[in-house]
């Protein structure tokens, strides 16, 4: 693996083409910031917006392998960009490191672990130690690599969508609660509806259920619609919005116009935080809790289930800054750290 980056051909790698808001935001951000992340280089991704919408089959696996080969033959540098969770070394990731050792390798904004087996931990650490650059997004990942990396936070912090003059914290009076469920949490719609209803109690606000993964088979729309139906049956005002219909800008506008966000999806929480909107995280994966700890999120806003979120409702109309911004690390500081660590013209 080589340490040079000048005049490289950089292939961006990630969960692109799966209809997921967070991963598409990574791709947009890396393409927009390419001149500072990879100066004097050509930068591209080989997956289209909906490349991976088909059901899993031999045909889809062959297509993905073909895309990987096409990218590898073009590139001189591979960059894993945000969202990639290195918990084992398998598939095309393992093949790239074995077959293209003369290429430059980077991992930017990744999570490392947790690991099912100690051998997985050793294998991931060994391979990442050979990368030319590794930037992780949380302290847990940093510690698993024994500090042999940089801690830069989430790549989304580099997005211009969260920087002035695009950023505005003005929110319409009376705006309600936005809920971002995750099908990956493997909790059924009726269970989520009951938990959310219990947390809401007698609170009467407009509810937006926002599906942040628009994949037709793996996405969040079905569970979002189940939640909305259950809440409407209780007489609540609810609307459902799908990322696939409104896009990155639409999602951020919805979150920014909310008085409070309850999110199982990590990037529902991150985008809300970067927009200055009070957000609570339903922690179903280590990376969610890791982000919460990184920003010093108030413990009332990090829970295991939606039913525990009633105490956060006071943030809706509160003048208390501890509730309006329930974290100790400011979004400005989070963005500044990302700019300092990631955007290095000379490395």
Protein backbone atom coordinates (compact mmCIF):
# COMPACT_ATOMS: atom_id res chain seq x y z
CA UNK A 1 0.00 0.00 0.00
CA UNK A 2 1.39 3.33 -1.05
CA UNK A 3 1.41 6.66 0.74
CA UNK A 4 1.10 8.97 -2.27
CA UNK A 5 -2.16 10.81 -3.06
CA UNK A 6 -1.18 13.37 -5.73
CA UNK A 7 -2.89 12.83 -9.09
CA UNK A 8 -4.61 9.72 -7.79
CA UNK A 9 -7.77 8.12 -9.10
CA UNK A 10 -9.82 7.67 -5.93
CA UNK A 11 -12.70 5.22 -5.79
CA UNK A 12 -15.20 6.07 -3.05
CA UNK A 13 -16.43 2.97 -1.23
CA UNK A 14 -19.42 2.66 1.04
CA UNK A 15 -23.01 1.44 1.25
CA UNK A 16 -23.95 3.44 -1.81
CA UNK A 17 -26.97 2.56 -3.95
CA UNK A 18 -28.97 1.12 -1.04
CA UNK A 19 -31.30 4.10 -0.57
CA UNK A 20 -29.96 5.05 2.84
CA UNK A 21 -29.93 8.73 3.82
CA UNK A 22 -26.73 8.58 5.88
CA UNK A 23 -24.65 6.81 3.23
CA UNK A 24 -25.94 9.05 0.44
CA UNK A 25 -25.03 12.06 2.58
CA UNK A 26 -21.49 10.66 2.93
CA UNK A 27 -21.20 10.30 -0.83
CA UNK A 28 -22.49 13.81 -1.50
CA UNK A 29 -20.14 15.26 1.12
CA UNK A 30 -17.06 13.44 -0.17
CA UNK A 31 -17.77 14.49 -3.75
CA UNK A 32 -18.37 18.08 -2.68
CA UNK A 33 -15.22 18.21 -0.53
CA UNK A 34 -13.04 16.19 -2.90
CA UNK A 35 -10.63 19.05 -3.61
CA UNK A 36 -9.65 19.30 0.06
CA UNK A 37 -9.80 15.58 0.86
CA UNK A 38 -7.94 14.44 -2.27
CA UNK A 39 -6.20 17.42 -3.92
CA UNK A 40 -5.41 17.14 -7.64
CA UNK A 41 -7.14 13.77 -7.87
CA UNK A 42 -10.01 12.26 -9.82
CA UNK A 43 -12.74 11.06 -7.46
CA UNK A 44 -15.74 8.88 -8.27
CA UNK A 45 -18.07 6.17 -7.01
CA UNK A 46 -19.19 3.29 -9.20
CA UNK A 47 -22.58 2.56 -7.59
CA UNK A 48 -25.68 4.36 -8.87
CA UNK A 49 -28.40 5.79 -6.61
CA UNK A 50 -30.53 2.63 -6.77
CA UNK A 51 -27.96 0.05 -7.86
CA UNK A 52 -28.67 -2.28 -4.95
CA UNK A 53 -32.47 -2.12 -4.85
CA UNK A 54 -32.94 -5.62 -6.29
CA UNK A 55 -33.57 -8.58 -4.02
CA UNK A 56 -30.51 -10.61 -3.11
CA UNK A 57 -29.67 -13.24 -5.70
CA UNK A 58 -26.74 -14.76 -7.55
CA UNK A 59 -27.30 -12.18 -10.26
CA UNK A 60 -27.05 -9.22 -7.87
CA UNK A 61 -23.90 -10.64 -6.26
CA UNK A 62 -22.30 -11.03 -9.68
CA UNK A 63 -23.28 -7.46 -10.58
CA UNK A 64 -21.72 -6.08 -7.38
CA UNK A 65 -18.55 -8.09 -7.97
CA UNK A 66 -18.38 -6.76 -11.53
CA UNK A 67 -18.78 -3.20 -10.27
CA UNK A 68 -16.02 -3.78 -7.72
CA UNK A 69 -13.68 -5.09 -10.41
CA UNK A 70 -14.48 -2.17 -12.70
CA UNK A 71 -13.69 0.30 -9.92
CA UNK A 72 -10.51 -1.49 -8.91
CA UNK A 73 -9.17 -1.50 -12.46
CA UNK A 74 -9.77 2.26 -12.75
CA UNK A 75 -8.58 3.34 -9.31
CA UNK A 76 -5.15 3.87 -7.85
CA UNK A 77 -6.62 4.63 -4.43
CA UNK A 78 -9.52 3.23 -2.39
CA UNK A 79 -11.36 5.35 0.17
CA UNK A 80 -13.89 3.80 2.53
CA UNK A 81 -16.10 6.78 3.30
CA UNK A 82 -18.19 6.91 6.45
CA UNK A 83 -20.67 4.37 7.68
CA UNK A 84 -18.42 1.39 7.01
CA UNK A 85 -18.37 -0.72 10.15
CA UNK A 86 -15.20 -2.79 10.28
CA UNK A 87 -16.31 -5.68 12.50
CA UNK A 88 -14.82 -8.40 10.31
CA UNK A 89 -12.85 -8.68 7.09
CA UNK A 90 -14.87 -10.39 4.39
CA UNK A 91 -16.22 -10.12 0.85
CA UNK A 92 -14.88 -7.54 -1.58
CA UNK A 93 -13.12 -5.65 1.23
CA UNK A 94 -10.95 -8.68 1.93
CA UNK A 95 -10.30 -9.22 -1.78
CA UNK A 96 -9.22 -5.61 -2.35
CA UNK A 97 -6.60 -5.71 0.38
CA UNK A 98 -5.21 -9.00 -0.93
CA UNK A 99 -5.24 -8.30 -4.66
CA UNK A 100 -4.47 -4.58 -4.82
CA UNK A 101 -1.77 -4.06 -2.21
CA UNK A 102 -0.01 -1.52 -4.45
CA UNK A 103 -3.01 0.82 -4.20
CA UNK A 104 -3.44 3.53 -1.60
CA UNK A 105 -6.04 2.66 1.06
CA UNK A 106 -7.92 5.07 3.31
CA UNK A 107 -10.80 4.70 5.74
CA UNK A 108 -12.51 7.97 6.64
CA UNK A 109 -15.26 8.29 9.23
CA UNK A 110 -15.52 4.57 9.94
CA UNK A 111 -16.52 2.61 13.01
CA UNK A 112 -14.34 -0.26 14.21
CA UNK A 113 -16.11 -3.16 15.92
CA UNK A 114 -17.75 -4.50 17.94
CA UNK A 115 -16.35 -7.91 17.15
CA UNK A 116 -17.99 -11.32 17.46
CA UNK A 117 -14.62 -13.02 17.93
CA UNK A 118 -11.15 -11.96 19.02
CA UNK A 119 -9.76 -13.27 15.71
CA UNK A 120 -11.96 -10.77 13.85
CA UNK A 121 -10.55 -7.98 16.01
CA UNK A 122 -6.98 -9.03 15.26
CA UNK A 123 -7.63 -9.34 11.52
CA UNK A 124 -9.27 -5.91 11.26
CA UNK A 125 -6.55 -4.21 13.30
CA UNK A 126 -3.86 -5.90 11.21
CA UNK A 127 -5.36 -4.76 7.91
CA UNK A 128 -6.20 -1.22 9.04
CA UNK A 129 -2.64 -0.84 10.34
CA UNK A 130 -1.51 -1.15 6.70
CA UNK A 131 -3.88 1.57 5.47
CA UNK A 132 -2.28 4.87 4.53
CA UNK A 133 -4.83 6.81 6.54
CA UNK A 134 -7.55 5.90 9.04
CA UNK A 135 -9.95 8.38 10.63
CA UNK A 136 -12.58 6.97 12.99
CA UNK A 137 -15.75 8.63 14.16
CA UNK A 138 -15.90 7.62 17.81
CA UNK A 139 -13.73 6.98 20.86
CA UNK A 140 -14.61 3.29 21.02
CA UNK A 141 -13.17 2.75 17.54
CA UNK A 142 -10.10 4.82 18.40
CA UNK A 143 -9.43 2.67 21.47
CA UNK A 144 -9.83 -0.58 19.52
CA UNK A 145 -7.06 0.59 17.22
CA UNK A 146 -4.98 1.61 20.24
CA UNK A 147 -4.82 5.16 18.93
CA UNK A 148 -3.20 4.15 15.62
CA UNK A 149 -5.63 6.42 13.76
CA UNK A 150 -7.23 9.85 14.02
CA UNK A 151 -10.52 10.71 15.72
CA UNK A 152 -12.49 13.07 13.50
CA UNK A 153 -16.15 12.42 14.25
CA UNK A 154 -18.75 11.69 11.60
CA UNK A 155 -18.08 12.66 7.98
CA UNK A 156 -21.49 14.37 7.80
CA UNK A 157 -19.96 17.22 9.79
CA UNK A 158 -18.14 18.25 6.60
CA UNK A 159 -21.39 18.72 4.68
CA UNK A 160 -22.06 22.28 3.55
CA UNK A 161 -25.71 21.68 4.40
CA UNK A 162 -24.83 22.15 8.07
CA UNK A 163 -22.62 25.22 7.67
CA UNK A 164 -23.60 28.90 7.46
CA UNK A 165 -25.29 30.38 5.47
CA UNK A 166 -27.21 27.17 4.76
CA UNK A 167 -27.65 26.45 8.45
CA UNK A 168 -30.52 28.16 10.22
CA UNK A 169 -31.90 27.24 13.63
CA UNK A 170 -35.15 29.19 13.10
CA UNK A 171 -38.00 26.71 13.42
CA UNK A 172 -41.70 27.34 12.88
CA UNK A 173 -43.68 27.91 16.06
CA UNK A 174 -45.80 24.85 16.76
CA UNK A 175 -43.66 22.43 14.74
CA UNK A 176 -43.93 18.96 16.16
CA UNK A 177 -41.94 15.80 16.78
CA UNK A 178 -40.16 13.86 14.05
CA UNK A 179 -39.65 10.15 14.63
CA UNK A 180 -37.06 8.17 12.63
CA UNK A 181 -37.59 4.42 13.13
CA UNK A 182 -35.17 1.80 11.87
CA UNK A 183 -36.13 -1.52 10.35
CA UNK A 184 -32.62 -2.68 11.33
CA UNK A 185 -33.64 -2.50 15.00
CA UNK A 186 -35.91 -5.50 14.32
CA UNK A 187 -38.79 -4.23 16.45
CA UNK A 188 -42.28 -4.67 15.03
CA UNK A 189 -44.54 -1.74 14.16
CA UNK A 190 -47.22 -2.45 16.80
CA UNK A 191 -44.57 -2.64 19.54
CA UNK A 192 -43.06 0.66 18.42
CA UNK A 193 -46.48 2.28 18.22
CA UNK A 194 -47.30 1.27 21.78
CA UNK A 195 -43.91 2.45 23.05
CA UNK A 196 -44.20 5.81 21.26
CA UNK A 197 -47.78 6.32 22.44
CA UNK A 198 -46.76 5.62 26.04
CA UNK A 199 -43.95 8.17 25.79
CA UNK A 200 -46.20 10.81 24.21
CA UNK A 201 -48.90 10.45 26.84
CA UNK A 202 -51.31 13.37 26.54
CA UNK A 203 -48.89 15.50 24.50
CA UNK A 204 -50.79 16.85 21.50
CA UNK A 205 -48.40 17.75 18.69
CA UNK A 206 -48.14 16.94 15.01
CA UNK A 207 -46.05 13.81 14.46
CA UNK A 208 -43.88 13.21 11.41
CA UNK A 209 -42.66 9.65 10.91
CA UNK A 210 -39.63 9.86 8.63
CA UNK A 211 -38.33 6.79 6.80
CA UNK A 212 -34.60 7.40 6.32
CA UNK A 213 -33.92 4.20 4.39
CA UNK A 214 -35.91 4.00 1.16
CA UNK A 215 -34.78 0.56 0.02
CA UNK A 216 -37.89 -1.22 -1.32
CA UNK A 217 -37.15 -4.44 0.59
CA UNK A 218 -34.89 -3.43 3.49
CA UNK A 219 -36.06 0.13 4.13
CA UNK A 220 -38.07 1.88 6.82
CA UNK A 221 -41.23 2.92 4.96
CA UNK A 222 -43.33 -0.08 5.94
CA UNK A 223 -42.57 0.25 9.62
CA UNK A 224 -43.10 4.03 9.41
CA UNK A 225 -46.54 3.48 7.91
CA UNK A 226 -47.38 0.90 10.60
CA UNK A 227 -46.46 3.39 13.32
CA UNK A 228 -48.47 6.16 11.66
CA UNK A 229 -51.54 3.95 11.31
CA UNK A 230 -51.40 2.97 14.97
CA UNK A 231 -51.00 6.56 16.16
CA UNK A 232 -53.80 7.80 13.89
CA UNK A 233 -56.09 5.15 15.37
CA UNK A 234 -55.49 6.91 18.70
CA UNK A 235 -56.60 10.22 17.21
CA UNK A 236 -53.17 11.73 16.67
CA UNK A 237 -52.18 13.89 13.70
CA UNK A 238 -49.46 12.02 11.82
CA UNK A 239 -47.77 12.29 8.43
CA UNK A 240 -45.31 9.88 6.83
CA UNK A 241 -42.39 11.03 4.69
CA UNK A 242 -39.94 8.84 2.78
CA UNK A 243 -36.33 9.77 2.03
CA UNK A 244 -36.70 8.29 -1.44
CA UNK A 245 -39.34 10.91 -2.26
CA UNK A 246 -37.88 14.02 -0.63
CA UNK A 247 -34.11 13.51 -0.96
CA UNK A 248 -31.25 14.69 1.24
CA UNK A 249 -32.35 18.32 1.27
CA UNK A 250 -35.93 17.39 2.09
CA UNK A 251 -34.86 15.23 5.03
CA UNK A 252 -32.70 17.97 6.50
CA UNK A 253 -35.49 20.52 6.06
CA UNK A 254 -37.93 18.24 7.92
CA UNK A 255 -35.48 17.67 10.77
CA UNK A 256 -34.54 21.34 10.94
CA UNK A 257 -38.20 22.37 11.18
CA UNK A 258 -38.87 19.99 14.09
CA UNK A 259 -39.11 20.96 17.73
CA UNK A 260 -37.78 17.56 18.80
CA UNK A 261 -36.44 14.47 17.03
CA UNK A 262 -36.62 10.90 18.29
CA UNK A 263 -34.35 8.72 16.16
CA UNK A 264 -33.33 5.09 15.92
CA UNK A 265 -31.38 5.92 12.77
CA UNK A 266 -27.97 7.34 13.67
CA UNK A 267 -27.99 9.95 10.93
CA UNK A 268 -31.42 11.18 11.86
CA UNK A 269 -29.80 12.09 15.18
CA UNK A 270 -26.56 13.43 13.69
CA UNK A 271 -28.31 15.63 11.11
CA UNK A 272 -30.62 17.00 13.81
CA UNK A 273 -27.70 17.73 16.13
CA UNK A 274 -25.75 19.49 13.38
CA UNK A 275 -28.88 21.54 12.66
CA UNK A 276 -29.24 22.59 16.29
CA UNK A 277 -32.43 20.61 16.91
CA UNK A 278 -32.83 18.72 20.23
CA UNK A 279 -32.58 15.03 19.45
CA UNK A 280 -32.98 11.84 21.43
CA UNK A 281 -31.37 8.59 20.35
CA UNK A 282 -32.91 5.15 20.71
CA UNK A 283 -29.73 3.14 21.09
CA UNK A 284 -29.95 -0.15 19.17
CA UNK A 285 -26.31 -0.32 17.98
CA UNK A 286 -23.04 0.59 19.65
CA UNK A 287 -22.36 3.36 17.11
CA UNK A 288 -25.48 5.23 18.33
CA UNK A 289 -24.32 5.30 21.93
CA UNK A 290 -20.77 6.10 20.83
CA UNK A 291 -21.97 9.23 19.03
CA UNK A 292 -24.05 10.24 22.05
CA UNK A 293 -21.02 9.94 24.32
CA UNK A 294 -18.84 11.88 21.87
CA UNK A 295 -21.15 14.91 21.97
CA UNK A 296 -21.90 14.58 25.69
CA UNK A 297 -25.60 13.96 25.13
CA UNK A 298 -27.79 14.37 28.21
CA UNK A 299 -28.46 10.90 29.61
CA UNK A 300 -32.22 11.48 29.38
CA UNK A 301 -31.83 11.70 25.60
CA UNK A 302 -30.09 8.32 25.16
CA UNK A 303 -32.47 5.43 25.81
CA UNK A 304 -32.95 1.77 24.96
CA UNK A 305 -36.56 2.12 23.84
CA UNK A 306 -39.05 4.77 22.71
CA UNK A 307 -41.14 4.24 25.85
CA UNK A 308 -38.35 5.89 27.89
CA UNK A 309 -38.52 9.21 26.00
CA UNK A 310 -41.27 11.00 27.95
CA UNK A 311 -38.73 13.15 29.90
CA UNK A 312 -37.45 14.63 26.62
CA UNK A 313 -40.84 16.18 25.77
CA UNK A 314 -40.01 19.17 27.96
CA UNK A 315 -37.52 20.21 25.26
CA UNK A 316 -40.38 21.14 22.91
CA UNK A 317 -41.22 24.47 24.53
CA UNK A 318 -38.37 24.83 26.98
CA UNK A 319 -36.27 27.97 27.36
CA UNK A 320 -33.71 25.90 29.27
CA UNK A 321 -30.57 25.68 27.12
CA UNK A 322 -29.76 22.30 28.67
CA UNK A 323 -32.91 20.94 27.03
CA UNK A 324 -32.88 23.04 23.86
CA UNK A 325 -29.32 21.82 23.21
CA UNK A 326 -28.97 18.69 25.36
CA UNK A 327 -25.26 18.13 24.71
CA UNK A 328 -21.96 19.49 26.00
CA UNK A 329 -20.02 19.52 22.70
CA UNK A 330 -21.41 22.23 20.45
CA UNK A 331 -22.20 21.44 16.82
CA UNK A 332 -19.76 24.19 15.81
CA UNK A 333 -16.97 22.47 17.74
CA UNK A 334 -17.91 19.12 16.18
CA UNK A 335 -17.74 20.63 12.69
CA UNK A 336 -14.46 22.41 13.44
CA UNK A 337 -12.84 19.18 14.60
CA UNK A 338 -13.96 17.39 11.44
CA UNK A 339 -12.62 20.18 9.23
CA UNK A 340 -9.30 20.12 11.07
CA UNK A 341 -8.83 16.34 10.95
CA UNK A 342 -10.31 15.42 7.57
CA UNK A 343 -9.60 18.38 5.32
CA UNK A 344 -5.85 18.24 5.01
CA UNK A 345 -4.51 19.36 1.67
CA UNK A 346 -1.08 17.92 2.43
CA UNK A 347 -0.86 14.35 3.65
